[in-house]
Amino acid sequence: MVESPFDAEIQVGEIREAESFPEANKPKMTKLWIDLGEDGEIQSAGQLDHHYEPDELVGRQVLCATNLGSVRIAGFKSEALTVGVPDEDGFPVLVEPDEAVPLGGVLF
């Protein structure tokens, strides 16, 4: 677990699979399986169904905080925080690179 937000490691990953997650307590949740290149695949869950259909997320590069520890959400192990910023209603909009970059790359 990190002590400061400045200790978070944020890596680029590519969403390989996504599906709606109605079992979660929060509405509009999505399960994600994200490829970090040499660092392997991780799982993440987020409230992304407000802006994205699961099938349109597949193939997107996203930023993930990968060293925050994991949590279980309705039995699903979420190992990373997929980085987003709130829209005018407070729902997440993903932060993505402008162009394709190597998977696993660390934000600096």
Protein backbone atom coordinates (compact mmCIF):
# COMPACT_ATOMS: atom_id res chain seq x y z
CA MET A 1 0.00 0.00 0.00
CA VAL A 2 1.31 3.47 -0.83
CA GLU A 3 1.64 6.21 1.79
CA SER A 4 1.27 9.18 -0.56
CA PRO A 5 -0.52 9.64 -3.89
CA PHE A 6 2.88 10.55 -5.31
CA ASP A 7 4.02 6.97 -4.61
CA ALA A 8 1.39 5.51 -6.96
CA GLU A 9 2.82 3.76 -10.00
CA ILE A 10 0.68 4.48 -13.05
CA GLN A 11 1.17 2.19 -16.03
CA VAL A 12 -0.28 1.97 -19.51
CA GLY A 13 -2.39 -1.09 -20.20
CA GLU A 14 -4.69 -2.31 -22.96
CA ILE A 15 -8.17 -3.54 -22.15
CA ARG A 16 -8.42 -7.12 -23.45
CA GLU A 17 -11.88 -7.94 -22.09
CA ALA A 18 -14.71 -5.98 -20.48
CA GLU A 19 -18.13 -6.93 -19.17
CA SER A 20 -20.92 -5.28 -17.20
CA PHE A 21 -20.85 -6.01 -13.48
CA PRO A 22 -24.44 -5.87 -12.18
CA GLU A 23 -23.52 -7.88 -9.04
CA ALA A 24 -21.60 -4.91 -7.61
CA ASN A 25 -23.28 -2.60 -5.09
CA LYS A 26 -22.47 0.54 -7.08
CA PRO A 27 -24.43 1.11 -10.28
CA LYS A 28 -22.97 0.96 -13.80
CA MET A 29 -19.87 -1.04 -12.85
CA THR A 30 -17.66 -2.74 -15.44
CA LYS A 31 -15.14 -5.57 -15.00
CA LEU A 32 -11.89 -5.12 -16.95
CA TRP A 33 -9.03 -7.44 -17.83
CA ILE A 34 -6.02 -5.29 -18.71
CA ASP A 35 -2.74 -6.31 -20.39
CA LEU A 36 0.34 -4.56 -18.97
CA GLY A 37 2.76 -6.14 -21.44
CA GLU A 38 5.73 -7.77 -19.68
CA ASP A 39 4.04 -7.21 -16.29
CA GLY A 40 1.17 -9.52 -17.28
CA GLU A 41 -2.58 -9.14 -17.03
CA ILE A 42 -4.48 -7.51 -14.18
CA GLN A 43 -8.14 -7.07 -13.33
CA SER A 44 -9.90 -3.83 -12.48
CA ALA A 45 -13.47 -2.71 -11.83
CA GLY A 46 -14.89 0.77 -12.28
CA GLN A 47 -18.10 2.71 -12.81
CA LEU A 48 -17.59 2.99 -16.54
CA ASP A 49 -21.03 1.99 -17.90
CA HIS A 50 -22.14 5.64 -17.67
CA HIS A 51 -20.03 6.50 -20.73
CA TYR A 52 -18.86 3.23 -22.26
CA GLU A 53 -20.37 -0.02 -23.48
CA PRO A 54 -18.12 -2.94 -22.50
CA ASP A 55 -17.46 -3.98 -26.11
CA GLU A 56 -16.22 -0.48 -27.05
CA LEU A 57 -13.63 -0.59 -24.24
CA VAL A 58 -11.80 -3.61 -25.69
CA GLY A 59 -8.56 -2.54 -27.38
CA ARG A 60 -8.34 0.84 -25.64
CA GLN A 61 -5.16 1.88 -23.89
CA VAL A 62 -5.77 3.19 -20.37
CA LEU A 63 -3.76 4.36 -17.38
CA CYS A 64 -3.82 2.17 -14.27
CA ALA A 65 -2.52 2.73 -10.74
CA THR A 66 -0.98 -0.70 -10.19
CA ASN A 67 0.62 -0.58 -6.73
CA LEU A 68 -2.32 0.38 -4.52
CA GLY A 69 -3.14 -3.18 -3.47
CA SER A 70 -6.21 -5.19 -4.41
CA VAL A 71 -9.81 -5.26 -3.22
CA ARG A 72 -12.68 -7.70 -3.72
CA ILE A 73 -15.86 -6.26 -5.17
CA ALA A 74 -18.75 -8.74 -5.16
CA GLY A 75 -16.24 -11.59 -5.40
CA PHE A 76 -14.20 -9.98 -8.22
CA LYS A 77 -10.56 -9.19 -7.42
CA SER A 78 -9.73 -5.65 -8.57
CA GLU A 79 -5.94 -5.28 -8.68
CA ALA A 80 -5.61 -1.77 -10.08
CA LEU A 81 -7.38 1.56 -10.22
CA THR A 82 -8.19 2.52 -13.80
CA VAL A 83 -7.53 6.27 -13.96
CA GLY A 84 -10.34 8.62 -14.90
CA VAL A 85 -11.56 12.13 -14.27
CA PRO A 86 -15.13 13.12 -13.38
CA ASP A 87 -17.55 14.52 -15.93
CA GLU A 88 -19.97 17.31 -14.98
CA ASP A 89 -22.17 14.74 -13.16
CA GLY A 90 -19.25 13.11 -11.35
CA PHE A 91 -19.04 9.95 -13.50
CA PRO A 92 -15.61 8.71 -14.64
CA VAL A 93 -14.18 9.49 -18.06
CA LEU A 94 -11.07 7.42 -18.80
CA VAL A 95 -7.63 9.00 -19.11
CA GLU A 96 -5.89 7.59 -22.19
CA PRO A 97 -2.70 8.24 -24.18
CA ASP A 98 -3.23 10.32 -27.35
CA GLU A 99 -1.46 7.69 -29.42
CA ALA A 100 -0.45 4.04 -29.00
CA VAL A 101 2.45 3.55 -26.58
CA PRO A 102 4.23 0.42 -25.29
CA LEU A 103 2.20 -1.54 -22.74
CA GLY A 104 3.48 -1.38 -19.16
CA GLY A 105 5.03 2.06 -19.65
CA VAL A 106 5.13 4.10 -16.43
CA LEU A 107 3.75 7.64 -16.22
CA PHE A 108 6.38 10.27 -15.44
